[in-house]
């Protein structure tokens, strides 16, 4: 099986590098949704940025505060600190957004309804996901603001997807509410619940992985965002 033949969908992120006020305390998982909203607003205020914004291709990005949590599957967990706030797209990159970069892209073999502009961009290679991030970073409006897009690290993705939950899944420890949060046989939209919207859905996802990157996410350059050190190739492909 090749990397491109897998159902690979893409999230992109921006990292905040400077704060305009005193740094709030880092939240520690678990915490309730109301507390997640509080932390989100607290860090947005400290950074002098909005909780959510829309970029030049119409993608909504949500601010994710930093914090501490345990990461890893099946009891093999380790402590992780996300040290800087960052933005992540509220849903998977849609086909319409990806087609601003690659106009002819289609999900091969899928019915027309699964190739609509509001459906998740899929059947992409890791290199194509990286190229999309670079292209988006090079757009005039993004360059003017100093934004540099990248794939999230595995730690950033899991922290954002959990949104304070320590359960097996964001919505609990069983599958009873799965169709509300996942797209599979019952749904195929970027996000059925329209929350902070990466939480809980099952698909191949591409992440940025560099040595030590998942343990502490640190700013490197740029005004308000970073790409950081990127390595290429499927051997650095994170699956979430």
C-alpha atoms as a PDB file:
ATOM      1  CA  UNK A   1       0.000   0.000   0.000  1.00  0.00           C
ATOM      2  CA  UNK A   2       1.436   3.385  -0.935  1.00  0.00           C
ATOM      3  CA  UNK A   3       1.153   6.458   1.254  1.00  0.00           C
ATOM      4  CA  UNK A   4      -1.073   8.173  -1.286  1.00  0.00           C
ATOM      5  CA  UNK A   5      -3.511   5.260  -1.498  1.00  0.00           C
ATOM      6  CA  UNK A   6      -4.439   5.702   2.151  1.00  0.00           C
ATOM      7  CA  UNK A   7      -7.263   7.996   3.195  1.00  0.00           C
ATOM      8  CA  UNK A   8      -4.997  10.815   4.272  1.00  0.00           C
ATOM      9  CA  UNK A   9      -6.569  14.082   5.338  1.00  0.00           C
ATOM     10  CA  UNK A  10      -4.859  17.271   6.380  1.00  0.00           C
ATOM     11  CA  UNK A  11      -4.920  19.678   9.301  1.00  0.00           C
ATOM     12  CA  UNK A  12      -2.735  22.785   9.261  1.00  0.00           C
ATOM     13  CA  UNK A  13      -1.612  25.001  12.121  1.00  0.00           C
ATOM     14  CA  UNK A  14      -0.007  28.325  13.041  1.00  0.00           C
ATOM     15  CA  UNK A  15       1.989  28.846  16.219  1.00  0.00           C
ATOM     16  CA  UNK A  16       1.960  31.967  18.385  1.00  0.00           C
ATOM     17  CA  UNK A  17       5.455  33.195  19.215  1.00  0.00           C
ATOM     18  CA  UNK A  18       4.908  36.302  21.345  1.00  0.00           C
ATOM     19  CA  UNK A  19       2.623  37.302  24.203  1.00  0.00           C
ATOM     20  CA  UNK A  20       1.508  40.852  24.965  1.00  0.00           C
ATOM     21  CA  UNK A  21       0.658  40.215  28.618  1.00  0.00           C
ATOM     22  CA  UNK A  22       1.804  37.999  31.474  1.00  0.00           C
ATOM     23  CA  UNK A  23       1.790  34.312  30.605  1.00  0.00           C
ATOM     24  CA  UNK A  24      -1.194  32.489  32.176  1.00  0.00           C
ATOM     25  CA  UNK A  25      -0.679  29.222  34.030  1.00  0.00           C
ATOM     26  CA  UNK A  26      -0.431  26.176  31.778  1.00  0.00           C
ATOM     27  CA  UNK A  27      -3.606  24.090  32.073  1.00  0.00           C
ATOM     28  CA  UNK A  28      -3.256  20.457  33.017  1.00  0.00           C
ATOM     29  CA  UNK A  29      -5.582  17.798  31.598  1.00  0.00           C
ATOM     30  CA  UNK A  30      -8.283  16.731  32.412  1.00  0.00           C
ATOM     31  CA  UNK A  31     -10.665  19.688  32.450  1.00  0.00           C
ATOM     32  CA  UNK A  32     -14.283  20.280  31.444  1.00  0.00           C
ATOM     33  CA  UNK A  33     -15.423  21.989  28.184  1.00  0.00           C
ATOM     34  CA  UNK A  34     -16.301  25.211  30.021  1.00  0.00           C
ATOM     35  CA  UNK A  35     -12.795  25.319  31.473  1.00  0.00           C
ATOM     36  CA  UNK A  36     -11.329  24.660  28.015  1.00  0.00           C
ATOM     37  CA  UNK A  37     -13.161  27.751  26.747  1.00  0.00           C
ATOM     38  CA  UNK A  38     -11.804  29.746  29.696  1.00  0.00           C
ATOM     39  CA  UNK A  39      -8.195  28.684  28.979  1.00  0.00           C
ATOM     40  CA  UNK A  40      -8.694  29.447  25.303  1.00  0.00           C
ATOM     41  CA  UNK A  41      -9.890  32.999  26.003  1.00  0.00           C
ATOM     42  CA  UNK A  42      -7.258  33.558  28.711  1.00  0.00           C
ATOM     43  CA  UNK A  43      -4.403  32.755  26.329  1.00  0.00           C
ATOM     44  CA  UNK A  44      -5.968  34.676  23.455  1.00  0.00           C
ATOM     45  CA  UNK A  45      -6.104  37.753  25.684  1.00  0.00           C
ATOM     46  CA  UNK A  46      -2.468  37.290  26.771  1.00  0.00           C
ATOM     47  CA  UNK A  47      -1.350  36.957  23.152  1.00  0.00           C
ATOM     48  CA  UNK A  48      -3.521  39.842  21.951  1.00  0.00           C
ATOM     49  CA  UNK A  49      -5.146  37.669  19.286  1.00  0.00           C
ATOM     50  CA  UNK A  50      -8.710  36.447  18.620  1.00  0.00           C
ATOM     51  CA  UNK A  51      -9.915  33.019  19.727  1.00  0.00           C
ATOM     52  CA  UNK A  52     -10.823  32.263  16.133  1.00  0.00           C
ATOM     53  CA  UNK A  53     -10.030  33.744  12.762  1.00  0.00           C
ATOM     54  CA  UNK A  54     -10.549  33.012   9.070  1.00  0.00           C
ATOM     55  CA  UNK A  55      -7.620  32.955   6.658  1.00  0.00           C
ATOM     56  CA  UNK A  56      -7.292  33.910   2.995  1.00  0.00           C
ATOM     57  CA  UNK A  57      -8.778  30.640   1.669  1.00  0.00           C
ATOM     58  CA  UNK A  58     -11.750  30.700   4.031  1.00  0.00           C
ATOM     59  CA  UNK A  59     -10.434  28.203   6.598  1.00  0.00           C
ATOM     60  CA  UNK A  60     -11.480  28.888  10.186  1.00  0.00           C
ATOM     61  CA  UNK A  61      -8.660  28.550  12.718  1.00  0.00           C
ATOM     62  CA  UNK A  62      -9.146  28.128  16.461  1.00  0.00           C
ATOM     63  CA  UNK A  63      -6.653  29.142  19.137  1.00  0.00           C
ATOM     64  CA  UNK A  64      -5.389  26.200  21.209  1.00  0.00           C
ATOM     65  CA  UNK A  65      -3.805  27.143  24.549  1.00  0.00           C
ATOM     66  CA  UNK A  66      -0.658  25.317  25.690  1.00  0.00           C
ATOM     67  CA  UNK A  67      -0.682  22.840  28.547  1.00  0.00           C
ATOM     68  CA  UNK A  68       0.347  19.532  30.092  1.00  0.00           C
ATOM     69  CA  UNK A  69      -1.128  16.114  29.295  1.00  0.00           C
ATOM     70  CA  UNK A  70      -0.370  12.406  29.018  1.00  0.00           C
ATOM     71  CA  UNK A  71       0.011  11.142  25.464  1.00  0.00           C
ATOM     72  CA  UNK A  72       0.178   7.665  23.970  1.00  0.00           C
ATOM     73  CA  UNK A  73      -1.999   4.598  23.254  1.00  0.00           C
ATOM     74  CA  UNK A  74      -2.992   1.535  25.284  1.00  0.00           C
ATOM     75  CA  UNK A  75      -1.515   2.611  28.580  1.00  0.00           C
ATOM     76  CA  UNK A  76       1.925   3.411  27.114  1.00  0.00           C
ATOM     77  CA  UNK A  77       1.678   7.065  28.012  1.00  0.00           C
ATOM     78  CA  UNK A  78       4.229   9.766  28.701  1.00  0.00           C
ATOM     79  CA  UNK A  79       3.972  13.326  29.901  1.00  0.00           C
ATOM     80  CA  UNK A  80       3.984  16.065  27.277  1.00  0.00           C
ATOM     81  CA  UNK A  81       4.152  19.838  27.596  1.00  0.00           C
ATOM     82  CA  UNK A  82       2.860  22.067  24.805  1.00  0.00           C
ATOM     83  CA  UNK A  83       4.696  25.270  25.687  1.00  0.00           C
ATOM     84  CA  UNK A  84       3.194  27.785  23.231  1.00  0.00           C
ATOM     85  CA  UNK A  85      -0.363  28.493  22.050  1.00  0.00           C
ATOM     86  CA  UNK A  86      -1.135  27.781  18.413  1.00  0.00           C
ATOM     87  CA  UNK A  87      -3.951  27.941  15.892  1.00  0.00           C
ATOM     88  CA  UNK A  88      -5.318  24.844  14.190  1.00  0.00           C
ATOM     89  CA  UNK A  89      -7.979  24.636  11.497  1.00  0.00           C
ATOM     90  CA  UNK A  90     -11.408  23.939  12.951  1.00  0.00           C
ATOM     91  CA  UNK A  91     -12.108  21.134  10.483  1.00  0.00           C
ATOM     92  CA  UNK A  92     -10.043  19.075   8.138  1.00  0.00           C
ATOM     93  CA  UNK A  93      -8.888  21.067   5.120  1.00  0.00           C
ATOM     94  CA  UNK A  94     -11.806  20.829   2.701  1.00  0.00           C
ATOM     95  CA  UNK A  95     -11.594  19.897  -0.953  1.00  0.00           C
ATOM     96  CA  UNK A  96     -12.630  23.437  -1.868  1.00  0.00           C
ATOM     97  CA  UNK A  97      -9.771  24.897   0.166  1.00  0.00           C
ATOM     98  CA  UNK A  98      -7.256  22.384  -1.183  1.00  0.00           C
ATOM     99  CA  UNK A  99      -8.421  23.086  -4.748  1.00  0.00           C
ATOM    100  CA  UNK A 100      -7.246  26.679  -4.333  1.00  0.00           C
ATOM    101  CA  UNK A 101      -3.823  25.012  -4.506  1.00  0.00           C
ATOM    102  CA  UNK A 102      -4.533  22.025  -6.775  1.00  0.00           C
ATOM    103  CA  UNK A 103      -7.647  22.819  -8.818  1.00  0.00           C
ATOM    104  CA  UNK A 104      -8.006  19.381 -10.409  1.00  0.00           C
ATOM    105  CA  UNK A 105      -7.709  17.290  -7.249  1.00  0.00           C
ATOM    106  CA  UNK A 106     -10.404  14.646  -6.842  1.00  0.00           C
ATOM    107  CA  UNK A 107     -10.873  11.625  -4.614  1.00  0.00           C
ATOM    108  CA  UNK A 108     -10.383   8.920  -7.203  1.00  0.00           C
ATOM    109  CA  UNK A 109     -13.161   6.353  -7.417  1.00  0.00           C
ATOM    110  CA  UNK A 110     -15.485   8.280  -5.098  1.00  0.00           C
ATOM    111  CA  UNK A 111     -18.981   9.412  -6.042  1.00  0.00           C
ATOM    112  CA  UNK A 112     -19.588  13.055  -6.913  1.00  0.00           C
ATOM    113  CA  UNK A 113     -21.104  13.762  -3.497  1.00  0.00           C
ATOM    114  CA  UNK A 114     -17.801  12.822  -1.852  1.00  0.00           C
ATOM    115  CA  UNK A 115     -15.957  15.226  -4.155  1.00  0.00           C
ATOM    116  CA  UNK A 116     -18.024  18.274  -3.215  1.00  0.00           C
ATOM    117  CA  UNK A 117     -16.058  21.324  -2.096  1.00  0.00           C
ATOM    118  CA  UNK A 118     -17.244  21.026   1.524  1.00  0.00           C
ATOM    119  CA  UNK A 119     -15.936  17.462   1.960  1.00  0.00           C
ATOM    120  CA  UNK A 120     -12.539  16.696   3.521  1.00  0.00           C
ATOM    121  CA  UNK A 121      -9.514  16.760   1.231  1.00  0.00           C
ATOM    122  CA  UNK A 122      -8.292  13.160   1.062  1.00  0.00           C
ATOM    123  CA  UNK A 123      -6.092  10.731  -0.898  1.00  0.00           C
ATOM    124  CA  UNK A 124      -3.078  13.004  -0.478  1.00  0.00           C
ATOM    125  CA  UNK A 125       0.561  12.132   0.060  1.00  0.00           C
ATOM    126  CA  UNK A 126       2.598  13.515   2.935  1.00  0.00           C
ATOM    127  CA  UNK A 127       4.636  15.536   0.433  1.00  0.00           C
ATOM    128  CA  UNK A 128       1.462  16.983  -1.099  1.00  0.00           C
ATOM    129  CA  UNK A 129       0.299  18.028   2.373  1.00  0.00           C
ATOM    130  CA  UNK A 130       3.648  19.739   2.945  1.00  0.00           C
ATOM    131  CA  UNK A 131       3.464  21.454  -0.445  1.00  0.00           C
ATOM    132  CA  UNK A 132      -0.007  22.759   0.394  1.00  0.00           C
ATOM    133  CA  UNK A 133       1.298  24.271   3.653  1.00  0.00           C
ATOM    134  CA  UNK A 134       4.161  25.953   1.799  1.00  0.00           C
ATOM    135  CA  UNK A 135       1.837  27.278  -0.904  1.00  0.00           C
ATOM    136  CA  UNK A 136      -0.574  28.663   1.689  1.00  0.00           C
ATOM    137  CA  UNK A 137       2.284  30.317   3.589  1.00  0.00           C
ATOM    138  CA  UNK A 138       3.396  32.007   0.362  1.00  0.00           C
ATOM    139  CA  UNK A 139       0.031  33.612  -0.397  1.00  0.00           C
ATOM    140  CA  UNK A 140       0.232  37.439  -0.278  1.00  0.00           C
ATOM    141  CA  UNK A 141      -2.268  37.897   2.568  1.00  0.00           C
ATOM    142  CA  UNK A 142      -0.558  35.245   4.695  1.00  0.00           C
ATOM    143  CA  UNK A 143       2.913  36.640   3.992  1.00  0.00           C
ATOM    144  CA  UNK A 144       1.733  40.151   4.902  1.00  0.00           C
ATOM    145  CA  UNK A 145       0.653  38.866   8.320  1.00  0.00           C
ATOM    146  CA  UNK A 146       3.823  36.799   8.750  1.00  0.00           C
ATOM    147  CA  UNK A 147       1.911  33.524   8.924  1.00  0.00           C
ATOM    148  CA  UNK A 148       3.769  30.294   8.206  1.00  0.00           C
ATOM    149  CA  UNK A 149       1.647  27.162   8.039  1.00  0.00           C
ATOM    150  CA  UNK A 150       2.718  23.629   8.864  1.00  0.00           C
ATOM    151  CA  UNK A 151       1.289  20.261   9.723  1.00  0.00           C
ATOM    152  CA  UNK A 152       0.729  19.947  13.479  1.00  0.00           C
ATOM    153  CA  UNK A 153       2.994  17.671  15.472  1.00  0.00           C
ATOM    154  CA  UNK A 154       1.438  14.491  16.860  1.00  0.00           C
ATOM    155  CA  UNK A 155       1.380  16.108  20.317  1.00  0.00           C
ATOM    156  CA  UNK A 156      -0.305  19.277  19.057  1.00  0.00           C
ATOM    157  CA  UNK A 157      -2.909  17.230  17.220  1.00  0.00           C
ATOM    158  CA  UNK A 158      -3.735  15.019  20.222  1.00  0.00           C
ATOM    159  CA  UNK A 159      -3.841  17.968  22.631  1.00  0.00           C
ATOM    160  CA  UNK A 160      -6.211  19.886  20.356  1.00  0.00           C
ATOM    161  CA  UNK A 161      -8.377  16.828  19.659  1.00  0.00           C
ATOM    162  CA  UNK A 162      -8.749  15.952  23.327  1.00  0.00           C
ATOM    163  CA  UNK A 163      -9.802  19.493  24.358  1.00  0.00           C
ATOM    164  CA  UNK A 164      -9.246  18.612  28.008  1.00  0.00           C
ATOM    165  CA  UNK A 165     -10.681  15.094  27.929  1.00  0.00           C
ATOM    166  CA  UNK A 166      -8.680  12.207  29.414  1.00  0.00           C
ATOM    167  CA  UNK A 167     -11.143   9.572  28.131  1.00  0.00           C
ATOM    168  CA  UNK A 168     -10.336   7.001  25.451  1.00  0.00           C
ATOM    169  CA  UNK A 169     -12.231   9.242  23.022  1.00  0.00           C
ATOM    170  CA  UNK A 170     -13.112  12.898  23.359  1.00  0.00           C
ATOM    171  CA  UNK A 171     -16.775  12.019  23.896  1.00  0.00           C
ATOM    172  CA  UNK A 172     -16.199   9.118  26.317  1.00  0.00           C
ATOM    173  CA  UNK A 173     -14.898   5.571  26.629  1.00  0.00           C
ATOM    174  CA  UNK A 174     -17.345   3.792  24.315  1.00  0.00           C
ATOM    175  CA  UNK A 175     -18.722   4.097  20.768  1.00  0.00           C
ATOM    176  CA  UNK A 176     -22.325   5.006  21.589  1.00  0.00           C
ATOM    177  CA  UNK A 177     -22.033   8.603  20.331  1.00  0.00           C
ATOM    178  CA  UNK A 178     -19.476   7.918  17.618  1.00  0.00           C
ATOM    179  CA  UNK A 179     -21.587   9.017  14.668  1.00  0.00           C
ATOM    180  CA  UNK A 180     -21.973  12.475  16.230  1.00  0.00           C
ATOM    181  CA  UNK A 181     -18.232  13.048  16.172  1.00  0.00           C
ATOM    182  CA  UNK A 182     -16.828  10.751  13.463  1.00  0.00           C
ATOM    183  CA  UNK A 183     -17.396  10.475   9.754  1.00  0.00           C
ATOM    184  CA  UNK A 184     -17.676   6.895   8.572  1.00  0.00           C
ATOM    185  CA  UNK A 185     -20.628   4.920   7.146  1.00  0.00           C
ATOM    186  CA  UNK A 186     -23.193   7.345   8.567  1.00  0.00           C
ATOM    187  CA  UNK A 187     -21.597  10.706   7.833  1.00  0.00           C
ATOM    188  CA  UNK A 188     -19.073  12.227   5.475  1.00  0.00           C
ATOM    189  CA  UNK A 189     -18.720  15.897   6.243  1.00  0.00           C
ATOM    190  CA  UNK A 190     -15.699  17.772   7.620  1.00  0.00           C
ATOM    191  CA  UNK A 191     -17.278  17.817  11.075  1.00  0.00           C
ATOM    192  CA  UNK A 192     -20.753  16.614  12.077  1.00  0.00           C
ATOM    193  CA  UNK A 193     -20.750  18.417  15.454  1.00  0.00           C
ATOM    194  CA  UNK A 194     -19.020  21.658  14.367  1.00  0.00           C
ATOM    195  CA  UNK A 195     -17.169  22.074  17.662  1.00  0.00           C
ATOM    196  CA  UNK A 196     -13.405  22.604  17.998  1.00  0.00           C
ATOM    197  CA  UNK A 197     -13.532  20.398  15.377  1.00  0.00           C
ATOM    198  CA  UNK A 198     -10.719  17.909  15.100  1.00  0.00           C
ATOM    199  CA  UNK A 199     -11.950  15.857  18.012  1.00  0.00           C
ATOM    200  CA  UNK A 200     -12.461  12.161  17.792  1.00  0.00           C
ATOM    201  CA  UNK A 201     -12.870  11.386  14.088  1.00  0.00           C
ATOM    202  CA  UNK A 202     -11.106   8.370  12.593  1.00  0.00           C
ATOM    203  CA  UNK A 203      -8.982   8.655   9.481  1.00  0.00           C
ATOM    204  CA  UNK A 204      -5.347   8.784   8.478  1.00  0.00           C
ATOM    205  CA  UNK A 205      -3.920  12.191   9.329  1.00  0.00           C
ATOM    206  CA  UNK A 206      -0.574  13.664   8.424  1.00  0.00           C
ATOM    207  CA  UNK A 207       1.563  15.150  11.199  1.00  0.00           C
ATOM    208  CA  UNK A 208       4.924  16.877  11.393  1.00  0.00           C
ATOM    209  CA  UNK A 209       7.458  14.780  13.300  1.00  0.00           C
ATOM    210  CA  UNK A 210      10.962  15.873  14.208  1.00  0.00           C
ATOM    211  CA  UNK A 211      13.308  14.612  16.959  1.00  0.00           C
ATOM    212  CA  UNK A 212      12.023  15.826  20.325  1.00  0.00           C
ATOM    213  CA  UNK A 213       9.293  17.865  18.646  1.00  0.00           C
ATOM    214  CA  UNK A 214       6.367  16.242  20.417  1.00  0.00           C
ATOM    215  CA  UNK A 215       7.779  16.769  23.904  1.00  0.00           C
ATOM    216  CA  UNK A 216       8.040  20.580  23.883  1.00  0.00           C
ATOM    217  CA  UNK A 217       6.685  22.694  21.060  1.00  0.00           C
ATOM    218  CA  UNK A 218       8.844  25.793  20.794  1.00  0.00           C
ATOM    219  CA  UNK A 219       8.688  28.848  18.582  1.00  0.00           C
ATOM    220  CA  UNK A 220      11.407  29.341  15.995  1.00  0.00           C
ATOM    221  CA  UNK A 221      10.715  32.381  13.820  1.00  0.00           C
ATOM    222  CA  UNK A 222       8.095  34.496  12.132  1.00  0.00           C
ATOM    223  CA  UNK A 223       5.491  36.937  13.350  1.00  0.00           C
ATOM    224  CA  UNK A 224       2.807  34.945  15.097  1.00  0.00           C
ATOM    225  CA  UNK A 225       3.433  31.548  13.532  1.00  0.00           C
ATOM    226  CA  UNK A 226       6.059  28.996  12.630  1.00  0.00           C
ATOM    227  CA  UNK A 227       6.899  26.087  10.423  1.00  0.00           C
ATOM    228  CA  UNK A 228       9.943  24.949  12.382  1.00  0.00           C
ATOM    229  CA  UNK A 229      12.368  22.287  11.202  1.00  0.00           C
ATOM    230  CA  UNK A 230      10.654  19.920   8.787  1.00  0.00           C
ATOM    231  CA  UNK A 231      11.972  16.611   7.560  1.00  0.00           C
ATOM    232  CA  UNK A 232      10.564  15.021   4.431  1.00  0.00           C
ATOM    233  CA  UNK A 233       9.316  11.610   3.485  1.00  0.00           C
ATOM    234  CA  UNK A 234       6.758   9.103   4.728  1.00  0.00           C
ATOM    235  CA  UNK A 235       9.092   7.789   7.429  1.00  0.00           C
ATOM    236  CA  UNK A 236       8.196  10.945   9.404  1.00  0.00           C
ATOM    237  CA  UNK A 237       4.486  10.491   8.882  1.00  0.00           C
ATOM    238  CA  UNK A 238       2.376  10.619  12.043  1.00  0.00           C
ATOM    239  CA  UNK A 239      -0.927   8.734  12.000  1.00  0.00           C
ATOM    240  CA  UNK A 240      -3.754   9.931  14.224  1.00  0.00           C
END
